[in-house]
Amino acid sequence: MPLVMIPPQVAFTVSVGDSEVSVYHVYKNGNFNNCMTYWYTFDEAEGEDNEFDIRELPTYDEDLRHEDVVGLAFYRGLVRINNNQLITEGGE
């Protein structure tokens, strides 16, 4: 039986410059019933190299919504996107 690619669900969007960028959920072992709590991606194809753990962002605060953590990191210029990867400024 052929497999069908089902795109991941959009978790939220963030402003990056003048654009709105979709941030997608990541699923454990590709199982759509097992959405990971702290892991996200900008890659609709869910390449493992493009996943990031929100707790590693310099703006992470457990009291903030995840979209606010990511949005604040972009707003402060602490992160950028390069080929669907989230890069922390100051080192790749």
PDB file of N, CA and C in Angstrom:
ATOM      1  N   MET A   1       0.849  -1.165   0.000  1.00  0.00           N
ATOM      2  CA  MET A   1       0.000   0.000   0.000  1.00  0.00           C
ATOM      3  C   MET A   1       0.906   1.244   0.000  1.00  0.00           C
ATOM      4  N   PRO A   2       0.671   2.192  -0.901  1.00  0.00           N
ATOM      5  CA  PRO A   2       1.500   3.398  -0.944  1.00  0.00           C
ATOM      6  C   PRO A   2       1.231   4.296   0.258  1.00  0.00           C
ATOM      7  N   LEU A   3       2.283   4.971   0.682  1.00  0.00           N
ATOM      8  CA  LEU A   3       2.152   5.913   1.783  1.00  0.00           C
ATOM      9  C   LEU A   3       1.758   7.278   1.241  1.00  0.00           C
ATOM     10  N   VAL A   4       1.008   8.022   2.018  1.00  0.00           N
ATOM     11  CA  VAL A   4       0.580   9.356   1.636  1.00  0.00           C
ATOM     12  C   VAL A   4       1.209  10.337   2.618  1.00  0.00           C
ATOM     13  N   MET A   5       1.822  11.392   2.083  1.00  0.00           N
ATOM     14  CA  MET A   5       2.423  12.417   2.937  1.00  0.00           C
ATOM     15  C   MET A   5       1.311  13.310   3.482  1.00  0.00           C
ATOM     16  N   ILE A   6       1.198  13.348   4.785  1.00  0.00           N
ATOM     17  CA  ILE A   6       0.238  14.226   5.440  1.00  0.00           C
ATOM     18  C   ILE A   6       1.047  15.345   6.091  1.00  0.00           C
ATOM     19  N   PRO A   7       0.823  16.585   5.680  1.00  0.00           N
ATOM     20  CA  PRO A   7       1.607  17.680   6.253  1.00  0.00           C
ATOM     21  C   PRO A   7       1.299  17.844   7.739  1.00  0.00           C
ATOM     22  N   PRO A   8       2.293  18.295   8.499  1.00  0.00           N
ATOM     23  CA  PRO A   8       2.068  18.503   9.931  1.00  0.00           C
ATOM     24  C   PRO A   8       1.116  19.671  10.165  1.00  0.00           C
ATOM     25  N   GLN A   9       0.515  19.676  11.321  1.00  0.00           N
ATOM     26  CA  GLN A   9      -0.397  20.746  11.699  1.00  0.00           C
ATOM     27  C   GLN A   9       0.393  21.994  12.072  1.00  0.00           C
ATOM     28  N   VAL A  10      -0.097  23.152  11.648  1.00  0.00           N
ATOM     29  CA  VAL A  10       0.525  24.414  12.047  1.00  0.00           C
ATOM     30  C   VAL A  10       0.247  24.624  13.531  1.00  0.00           C
ATOM     31  N   ALA A  11       1.309  24.817  14.300  1.00  0.00           N
ATOM     32  CA  ALA A  11       1.167  25.069  15.733  1.00  0.00           C
ATOM     33  C   ALA A  11       0.818  26.533  15.974  1.00  0.00           C
ATOM     34  N   PHE A  12       1.526  27.421  15.263  1.00  0.00           N
ATOM     35  CA  PHE A  12       1.302  28.856  15.362  1.00  0.00           C
ATOM     36  C   PHE A  12       2.096  29.544  14.268  1.00  0.00           C
ATOM     37  N   THR A  13       1.908  30.838  14.109  1.00  0.00           N
ATOM     38  CA  THR A  13       2.704  31.622  13.173  1.00  0.00           C
ATOM     39  C   THR A  13       3.445  32.696  13.953  1.00  0.00           C
ATOM     40  N   VAL A  14       4.592  33.114  13.424  1.00  0.00           N
ATOM     41  CA  VAL A  14       5.373  34.186  14.044  1.00  0.00           C
ATOM     42  C   VAL A  14       5.749  35.206  12.978  1.00  0.00           C
ATOM     43  N   SER A  15       5.934  36.433  13.408  1.00  0.00           N
ATOM     44  CA  SER A  15       6.392  37.489  12.509  1.00  0.00           C
ATOM     45  C   SER A  15       7.902  37.437  12.415  1.00  0.00           C
ATOM     46  N   VAL A  16       8.385  37.377  11.180  1.00  0.00           N
ATOM     47  CA  VAL A  16       9.818  37.402  10.906  1.00  0.00           C
ATOM     48  C   VAL A  16      10.015  38.504   9.876  1.00  0.00           C
ATOM     49  N   GLY A  17      10.482  39.655  10.338  1.00  0.00           N
ATOM     50  CA  GLY A  17      10.574  40.806   9.451  1.00  0.00           C
ATOM     51  C   GLY A  17       9.180  41.220   9.031  1.00  0.00           C
ATOM     52  N   ASP A  18       8.951  41.299   7.731  1.00  0.00           N
ATOM     53  CA  ASP A  18       7.649  41.685   7.202  1.00  0.00           C
ATOM     54  C   ASP A  18       6.774  40.486   6.860  1.00  0.00           C
ATOM     55  N   SER A  19       7.218  39.285   7.219  1.00  0.00           N
ATOM     56  CA  SER A  19       6.496  38.065   6.848  1.00  0.00           C
ATOM     57  C   SER A  19       5.960  37.337   8.068  1.00  0.00           C
ATOM     58  N   GLU A  20       4.915  36.562   7.829  1.00  0.00           N
ATOM     59  CA  GLU A  20       4.405  35.633   8.828  1.00  0.00           C
ATOM     60  C   GLU A  20       4.897  34.243   8.430  1.00  0.00           C
ATOM     61  N   VAL A  21       5.510  33.547   9.371  1.00  0.00           N
ATOM     62  CA  VAL A  21       6.085  32.232   9.099  1.00  0.00           C
ATOM     63  C   VAL A  21       5.346  31.184   9.929  1.00  0.00           C
ATOM     64  N   SER A  22       4.992  30.083   9.291  1.00  0.00           N
ATOM     65  CA  SER A  22       4.325  28.981   9.990  1.00  0.00           C
ATOM     66  C   SER A  22       5.332  28.158  10.771  1.00  0.00           C
ATOM     67  N   VAL A  23       4.941  27.798  11.977  1.00  0.00           N
ATOM     68  CA  VAL A  23       5.725  26.902  12.827  1.00  0.00           C
ATOM     69  C   VAL A  23       4.866  25.647  13.000  1.00  0.00           C
ATOM     70  N   TYR A  24       5.448  24.495  12.673  1.00  0.00           N
ATOM     71  CA  TYR A  24       4.696  23.245  12.662  1.00  0.00           C
ATOM     72  C   TYR A  24       4.998  22.393  13.888  1.00  0.00           C
ATOM     73  N   HIS A  25       4.002  21.584  14.261  1.00  0.00           N
ATOM     74  CA  HIS A  25       4.204  20.588  15.310  1.00  0.00           C
ATOM     75  C   HIS A  25       5.162  19.519  14.809  1.00  0.00           C
ATOM     76  N   VAL A  26       5.845  18.872  15.731  1.00  0.00           N
ATOM     77  CA  VAL A  26       6.684  17.706  15.451  1.00  0.00           C
ATOM     78  C   VAL A  26       6.039  16.535  16.180  1.00  0.00           C
ATOM     79  N   TYR A  27       6.055  15.372  15.537  1.00  0.00           N
ATOM     80  CA  TYR A  27       5.393  14.194  16.080  1.00  0.00           C
ATOM     81  C   TYR A  27       6.411  13.107  16.379  1.00  0.00           C
ATOM     82  N   LYS A  28       6.274  12.486  17.529  1.00  0.00           N
ATOM     83  CA  LYS A  28       7.179  11.405  17.912  1.00  0.00           C
ATOM     84  C   LYS A  28       6.982  10.224  16.974  1.00  0.00           C
ATOM     85  N   ASN A  29       8.094   9.797  16.352  1.00  0.00           N
ATOM     86  CA  ASN A  29       8.098   8.668  15.421  1.00  0.00           C
ATOM     87  C   ASN A  29       7.099   8.846  14.281  1.00  0.00           C
ATOM     88  N   GLY A  30       6.815  10.094  13.910  1.00  0.00           N
ATOM     89  CA  GLY A  30       5.893  10.354  12.805  1.00  0.00           C
ATOM     90  C   GLY A  30       4.445  10.036  13.110  1.00  0.00           C
ATOM     91  N   ASN A  31       4.123   9.762  14.360  1.00  0.00           N
ATOM     92  CA  ASN A  31       2.775   9.390  14.758  1.00  0.00           C
ATOM     93  C   ASN A  31       1.969  10.656  15.062  1.00  0.00           C
ATOM     94  N   PHE A  32       0.980  10.958  14.224  1.00  0.00           N
ATOM     95  CA  PHE A  32       0.202  12.185  14.382  1.00  0.00           C
ATOM     96  C   PHE A  32      -0.642  12.204  15.646  1.00  0.00           C
ATOM     97  N   ASN A  33      -0.742  11.106  16.328  1.00  0.00           N
ATOM     98  CA  ASN A  33      -1.456  11.074  17.606  1.00  0.00           C
ATOM     99  C   ASN A  33      -0.524  11.354  18.773  1.00  0.00           C
ATOM    100  N   ASN A  34       0.764  11.591  18.475  1.00  0.00           N
ATOM    101  CA  ASN A  34       1.755  11.763  19.535  1.00  0.00           C
ATOM    102  C   ASN A  34       2.551  13.045  19.291  1.00  0.00           C
ATOM    103  N   CYS A  35       1.873  14.178  19.426  1.00  0.00           N
ATOM    104  CA  CYS A  35       2.487  15.490  19.207  1.00  0.00           C
ATOM    105  C   CYS A  35       3.457  15.796  20.352  1.00  0.00           C
ATOM    106  N   MET A  36       4.669  16.213  19.995  1.00  0.00           N
ATOM    107  CA  MET A  36       5.670  16.528  21.013  1.00  0.00           C
ATOM    108  C   MET A  36       5.381  17.909  21.608  1.00  0.00           C
ATOM    109  N   THR A  37       5.620  18.072  22.884  1.00  0.00           N
ATOM    110  CA  THR A  37       5.258  19.287  23.603  1.00  0.00           C
ATOM    111  C   THR A  37       6.190  20.454  23.319  1.00  0.00           C
ATOM    112  N   TYR A  38       7.499  20.230  23.253  1.00  0.00           N
ATOM    113  CA  TYR A  38       8.460  21.324  23.173  1.00  0.00           C
ATOM    114  C   TYR A  38       9.211  21.402  21.841  1.00  0.00           C
ATOM    115  N   TRP A  39       8.930  20.495  20.937  1.00  0.00           N
ATOM    116  CA  TRP A  39       9.659  20.442  19.663  1.00  0.00           C
ATOM    117  C   TRP A  39       8.802  20.983  18.536  1.00  0.00           C
ATOM    118  N   TYR A  40       9.430  21.796  17.664  1.00  0.00           N
ATOM    119  CA  TYR A  40       8.747  22.416  16.527  1.00  0.00           C
ATOM    120  C   TYR A  40       9.671  22.415  15.319  1.00  0.00           C
ATOM    121  N   THR A  41       9.126  22.811  14.162  1.00  0.00           N
ATOM    122  CA  THR A  41       9.909  22.916  12.943  1.00  0.00           C
ATOM    123  C   THR A  41       9.298  23.973  12.030  1.00  0.00           C
ATOM    124  N   PHE A  42      10.120  24.551  11.166  1.00  0.00           N
ATOM    125  CA  PHE A  42       9.640  25.437  10.109  1.00  0.00           C
ATOM    126  C   PHE A  42       9.489  24.662   8.807  1.00  0.00           C
ATOM    127  N   ASP A  43       9.877  23.401   8.824  1.00  0.00           N
ATOM    128  CA  ASP A  43       9.933  22.551   7.641  1.00  0.00           C
ATOM    129  C   ASP A  43       8.669  21.704   7.541  1.00  0.00           C
ATOM    130  N   GLU A  44       7.835  22.005   6.560  1.00  0.00           N
ATOM    131  CA  GLU A  44       6.597  21.254   6.389  1.00  0.00           C
ATOM    132  C   GLU A  44       6.864  19.782   6.085  1.00  0.00           C
ATOM    133  N   ALA A  45       8.058  19.477   5.532  1.00  0.00           N
ATOM    134  CA  ALA A  45       8.428  18.087   5.254  1.00  0.00           C
ATOM    135  C   ALA A  45       8.993  17.394   6.495  1.00  0.00           C
ATOM    136  N   GLU A  46       9.125  18.113   7.602  1.00  0.00           N
ATOM    137  CA  GLU A  46       9.565  17.582   8.895  1.00  0.00           C
ATOM    138  C   GLU A  46      10.942  16.926   8.874  1.00  0.00           C
ATOM    139  N   GLY A  47      11.893  17.517   8.173  1.00  0.00           N
ATOM    140  CA  GLY A  47      13.250  16.992   8.216  1.00  0.00           C
ATOM    141  C   GLY A  47      13.811  17.089   9.625  1.00  0.00           C
ATOM    142  N   GLU A  48      14.360  16.000  10.129  1.00  0.00           N
ATOM    143  CA  GLU A  48      14.845  15.973  11.518  1.00  0.00           C
ATOM    144  C   GLU A  48      15.883  17.047  11.810  1.00  0.00           C
ATOM    145  N   ASP A  49      16.684  17.404  10.820  1.00  0.00           N
ATOM    146  CA  ASP A  49      17.706  18.425  11.031  1.00  0.00           C
ATOM    147  C   ASP A  49      17.100  19.804  11.245  1.00  0.00           C
ATOM    148  N   ASN A  50      15.827  19.963  10.951  1.00  0.00           N
ATOM    149  CA  ASN A  50      15.176  21.265  11.053  1.00  0.00           C
ATOM    150  C   ASN A  50      14.306  21.408  12.293  1.00  0.00           C
ATOM    151  N   GLU A  51      14.320  20.428  13.151  1.00  0.00           N
ATOM    152  CA  GLU A  51      13.529  20.494  14.381  1.00  0.00           C
ATOM    153  C   GLU A  51      14.299  21.254  15.456  1.00  0.00           C
ATOM    154  N   PHE A  52      13.554  21.932  16.330  1.00  0.00           N
ATOM    155  CA  PHE A  52      14.207  22.624  17.444  1.00  0.00           C
ATOM    156  C   PHE A  52      13.384  22.459  18.716  1.00  0.00           C
ATOM    157  N   ASP A  53      14.094  22.485  19.826  1.00  0.00           N
ATOM    158  CA  ASP A  53      13.490  22.392  21.153  1.00  0.00           C
ATOM    159  C   ASP A  53      13.342  23.813  21.677  1.00  0.00           C
ATOM    160  N   ILE A  54      12.130  24.234  21.911  1.00  0.00           N
ATOM    161  CA  ILE A  54      11.857  25.605  22.325  1.00  0.00           C
ATOM    162  C   ILE A  54      12.543  25.957  23.652  1.00  0.00           C
ATOM    163  N   ARG A  55      12.812  24.974  24.470  1.00  0.00           N
ATOM    164  CA  ARG A  55      13.464  25.223  25.769  1.00  0.00           C
ATOM    165  C   ARG A  55      14.902  25.675  25.613  1.00  0.00           C
ATOM    166  N   GLU A  56      15.479  25.506  24.410  1.00  0.00           N
ATOM    167  CA  GLU A  56      16.856  25.931  24.170  1.00  0.00           C
ATOM    168  C   GLU A  56      16.951  27.374  23.666  1.00  0.00           C
ATOM    169  N   LEU A  57      15.824  28.009  23.439  1.00  0.00           N
ATOM    170  CA  LEU A  57      15.845  29.403  22.989  1.00  0.00           C
ATOM    171  C   LEU A  57      16.203  30.325  24.152  1.00  0.00           C
ATOM    172  N   PRO A  58      16.952  31.399  23.868  1.00  0.00           N
ATOM    173  CA  PRO A  58      17.349  32.320  24.937  1.00  0.00           C
ATOM    174  C   PRO A  58      16.162  33.030  25.585  1.00  0.00           C
ATOM    175  N   THR A  59      15.013  33.051  24.934  1.00  0.00           N
ATOM    176  CA  THR A  59      13.830  33.723  25.478  1.00  0.00           C
ATOM    177  C   THR A  59      12.874  32.759  26.177  1.00  0.00           C
ATOM    178  N   TYR A  60      13.289  31.498  26.319  1.00  0.00           N
ATOM    179  CA  TYR A  60      12.372  30.520  26.907  1.00  0.00           C
ATOM    180  C   TYR A  60      12.024  30.890  28.338  1.00  0.00           C
ATOM    181  N   ASP A  61      10.733  30.874  28.605  1.00  0.00           N
ATOM    182  CA  ASP A  61      10.191  31.080  29.950  1.00  0.00           C
ATOM    183  C   ASP A  61       8.957  30.191  30.013  1.00  0.00           C
ATOM    184  N   GLU A  62       8.914  29.303  30.978  1.00  0.00           N
ATOM    185  CA  GLU A  62       7.806  28.349  31.041  1.00  0.00           C
ATOM    186  C   GLU A  62       6.454  29.024  31.230  1.00  0.00           C
ATOM    187  N   ASP A  63       6.442  30.285  31.650  1.00  0.00           N
ATOM    188  CA  ASP A  63       5.185  30.996  31.842  1.00  0.00           C
ATOM    189  C   ASP A  63       4.662  31.662  30.567  1.00  0.00           C
ATOM    190  N   LEU A  64       5.480  31.680  29.493  1.00  0.00           N
ATOM    191  CA  LEU A  64       5.071  32.279  28.230  1.00  0.00           C
ATOM    192  C   LEU A  64       4.489  31.224  27.290  1.00  0.00           C
ATOM    193  N   ARG A  65       3.578  31.658  26.428  1.00  0.00           N
ATOM    194  CA  ARG A  65       3.082  30.770  25.375  1.00  0.00           C
ATOM    195  C   ARG A  65       4.237  30.510  24.414  1.00  0.00           C
ATOM    196  N   HIS A  66       4.257  29.358  23.804  1.00  0.00           N
ATOM    197  CA  HIS A  66       5.361  28.992  22.916  1.00  0.00           C
ATOM    198  C   HIS A  66       5.495  29.964  21.745  1.00  0.00           C
ATOM    199  N   GLU A  67       4.383  30.432  21.176  1.00  0.00           N
ATOM    200  CA  GLU A  67       4.478  31.389  20.079  1.00  0.00           C
ATOM    201  C   GLU A  67       5.110  32.702  20.531  1.00  0.00           C
ATOM    202  N   ASP A  68       4.911  33.066  21.793  1.00  0.00           N
ATOM    203  CA  ASP A  68       5.525  34.283  22.314  1.00  0.00           C
ATOM    204  C   ASP A  68       7.032  34.107  22.518  1.00  0.00           C
ATOM    205  N   VAL A  69       7.446  32.921  22.937  1.00  0.00           N
ATOM    206  CA  VAL A  69       8.872  32.628  23.107  1.00  0.00           C
ATOM    207  C   VAL A  69       9.595  32.745  21.771  1.00  0.00           C
ATOM    208  N   VAL A  70       9.040  32.123  20.731  1.00  0.00           N
ATOM    209  CA  VAL A  70       9.665  32.150  19.410  1.00  0.00           C
ATOM    210  C   VAL A  70       9.603  33.563  18.821  1.00  0.00           C
ATOM    211  N   GLY A  71       8.439  34.195  18.903  1.00  0.00           N
ATOM    212  CA  GLY A  71       8.283  35.544  18.371  1.00  0.00           C
ATOM    213  C   GLY A  71       9.220  36.538  19.032  1.00  0.00           C
ATOM    214  N   LEU A  72       9.391  36.440  20.325  1.00  0.00           N
ATOM    215  CA  LEU A  72      10.282  37.331  21.063  1.00  0.00           C
ATOM    216  C   LEU A  72      11.737  37.114  20.650  1.00  0.00           C
ATOM    217  N   ALA A  73      12.112  35.875  20.409  1.00  0.00           N
ATOM    218  CA  ALA A  73      13.481  35.585  19.969  1.00  0.00           C
ATOM    219  C   ALA A  73      13.767  36.230  18.610  1.00  0.00           C
ATOM    220  N   PHE A  74      12.798  36.185  17.701  1.00  0.00           N
ATOM    221  CA  PHE A  74      12.963  36.861  16.406  1.00  0.00           C
ATOM    222  C   PHE A  74      12.979  38.371  16.588  1.00  0.00           C
ATOM    223  N   TYR A  75      12.061  38.886  17.366  1.00  0.00           N
ATOM    224  CA  TYR A  75      11.953  40.327  17.580  1.00  0.00           C
ATOM    225  C   TYR A  75      13.253  40.906  18.146  1.00  0.00           C
ATOM    226  N   ARG A  76      13.871  40.183  19.051  1.00  0.00           N
ATOM    227  CA  ARG A  76      15.121  40.644  19.664  1.00  0.00           C
ATOM    228  C   ARG A  76      16.355  40.354  18.807  1.00  0.00           C
ATOM    229  N   GLY A  77      16.167  39.691  17.682  1.00  0.00           N
ATOM    230  CA  GLY A  77      17.286  39.384  16.794  1.00  0.00           C
ATOM    231  C   GLY A  77      18.199  38.291  17.321  1.00  0.00           C
ATOM    232  N   LEU A  78      17.662  37.423  18.164  1.00  0.00           N
ATOM    233  CA  LEU A  78      18.462  36.362  18.779  1.00  0.00           C
ATOM    234  C   LEU A  78      18.516  35.105  17.925  1.00  0.00           C
ATOM    235  N   VAL A  79      17.579  34.978  16.988  1.00  0.00           N
ATOM    236  CA  VAL A  79      17.514  33.804  16.117  1.00  0.00           C
ATOM    237  C   VAL A  79      17.175  34.246  14.697  1.00  0.00           C
ATOM    238  N   ARG A  80      17.428  33.331  13.753  1.00  0.00           N
ATOM    239  CA  ARG A  80      17.044  33.535  12.364  1.00  0.00           C
ATOM    240  C   ARG A  80      16.767  32.174  11.758  1.00  0.00           C
ATOM    241  N   ILE A  81      16.158  32.182  10.573  1.00  0.00           N
ATOM    242  CA  ILE A  81      15.886  30.936   9.855  1.00  0.00           C
ATOM    243  C   ILE A  81      16.848  30.844   8.687  1.00  0.00           C
ATOM    244  N   ASN A  82      17.497  29.689   8.555  1.00  0.00           N
ATOM    245  CA  ASN A  82      18.374  29.423   7.430  1.00  0.00           C
ATOM    246  C   ASN A  82      18.031  28.040   6.890  1.00  0.00           C
ATOM    247  N   ASN A  83      17.455  27.980   5.677  1.00  0.00           N
ATOM    248  CA  ASN A  83      17.062  26.701   5.079  1.00  0.00           C
ATOM    249  C   ASN A  83      16.191  25.870   6.019  1.00  0.00           C
ATOM    250  N   ASN A  84      15.189  26.494   6.570  1.00  0.00           N
ATOM    251  CA  ASN A  84      14.227  25.869   7.490  1.00  0.00           C
ATOM    252  C   ASN A  84      14.821  25.494   8.844  1.00  0.00           C
ATOM    253  N   GLN A  85      16.042  25.873   9.124  1.00  0.00           N
ATOM    254  CA  GLN A  85      16.640  25.617  10.439  1.00  0.00           C
ATOM    255  C   GLN A  85      16.600  26.886  11.269  1.00  0.00           C
ATOM    256  N   LEU A  86      16.309  26.748  12.541  1.00  0.00           N
ATOM    257  CA  LEU A  86      16.366  27.859  13.469  1.00  0.00           C
ATOM    258  C   LEU A  86      17.799  27.989  13.942  1.00  0.00           C
ATOM    259  N   ILE A  87      18.413  29.147  13.680  1.00  0.00           N
ATOM    260  CA  ILE A  87      19.804  29.382  14.026  1.00  0.00           C
ATOM    261  C   ILE A  87      19.852  30.437  15.126  1.00  0.00           C
ATOM    262  N   THR A  88      20.552  30.142  16.208  1.00  0.00           N
ATOM    263  CA  THR A  88      20.778  31.126  17.255  1.00  0.00           C
ATOM    264  C   THR A  88      21.911  32.027  16.804  1.00  0.00           C
ATOM    265  N   GLU A  89      21.688  33.337  16.840  1.00  0.00           N
ATOM    266  CA  GLU A  89      22.716  34.282  16.403  1.00  0.00           C
ATOM    267  C   GLU A  89      23.933  34.168  17.316  1.00  0.00           C
ATOM    268  N   GLY A  90      25.096  34.252  16.699  1.00  0.00           N
ATOM    269  CA  GLY A  90      26.333  34.124  17.453  1.00  0.00           C
ATOM    270  C   GLY A  90      26.980  32.767  17.258  1.00  0.00           C
ATOM    271  N   GLY A  91      26.328  31.900  16.495  1.00  0.00           N
ATOM    272  CA  GLY A  91      26.917  30.591  16.223  1.00  0.00           C
ATOM    273  C   GLY A  91      25.958  29.703  15.484  1.00  0.00           C
ATOM    274  N   GLU A  92      26.485  28.942  14.532  1.00  0.00           N
ATOM    275  CA  GLU A  92      25.634  28.018  13.775  1.00  0.00           C
ATOM    276  C   GLU A  92      25.927  26.612  14.161  1.00  0.00           C
TER     277      GLU A  92
END
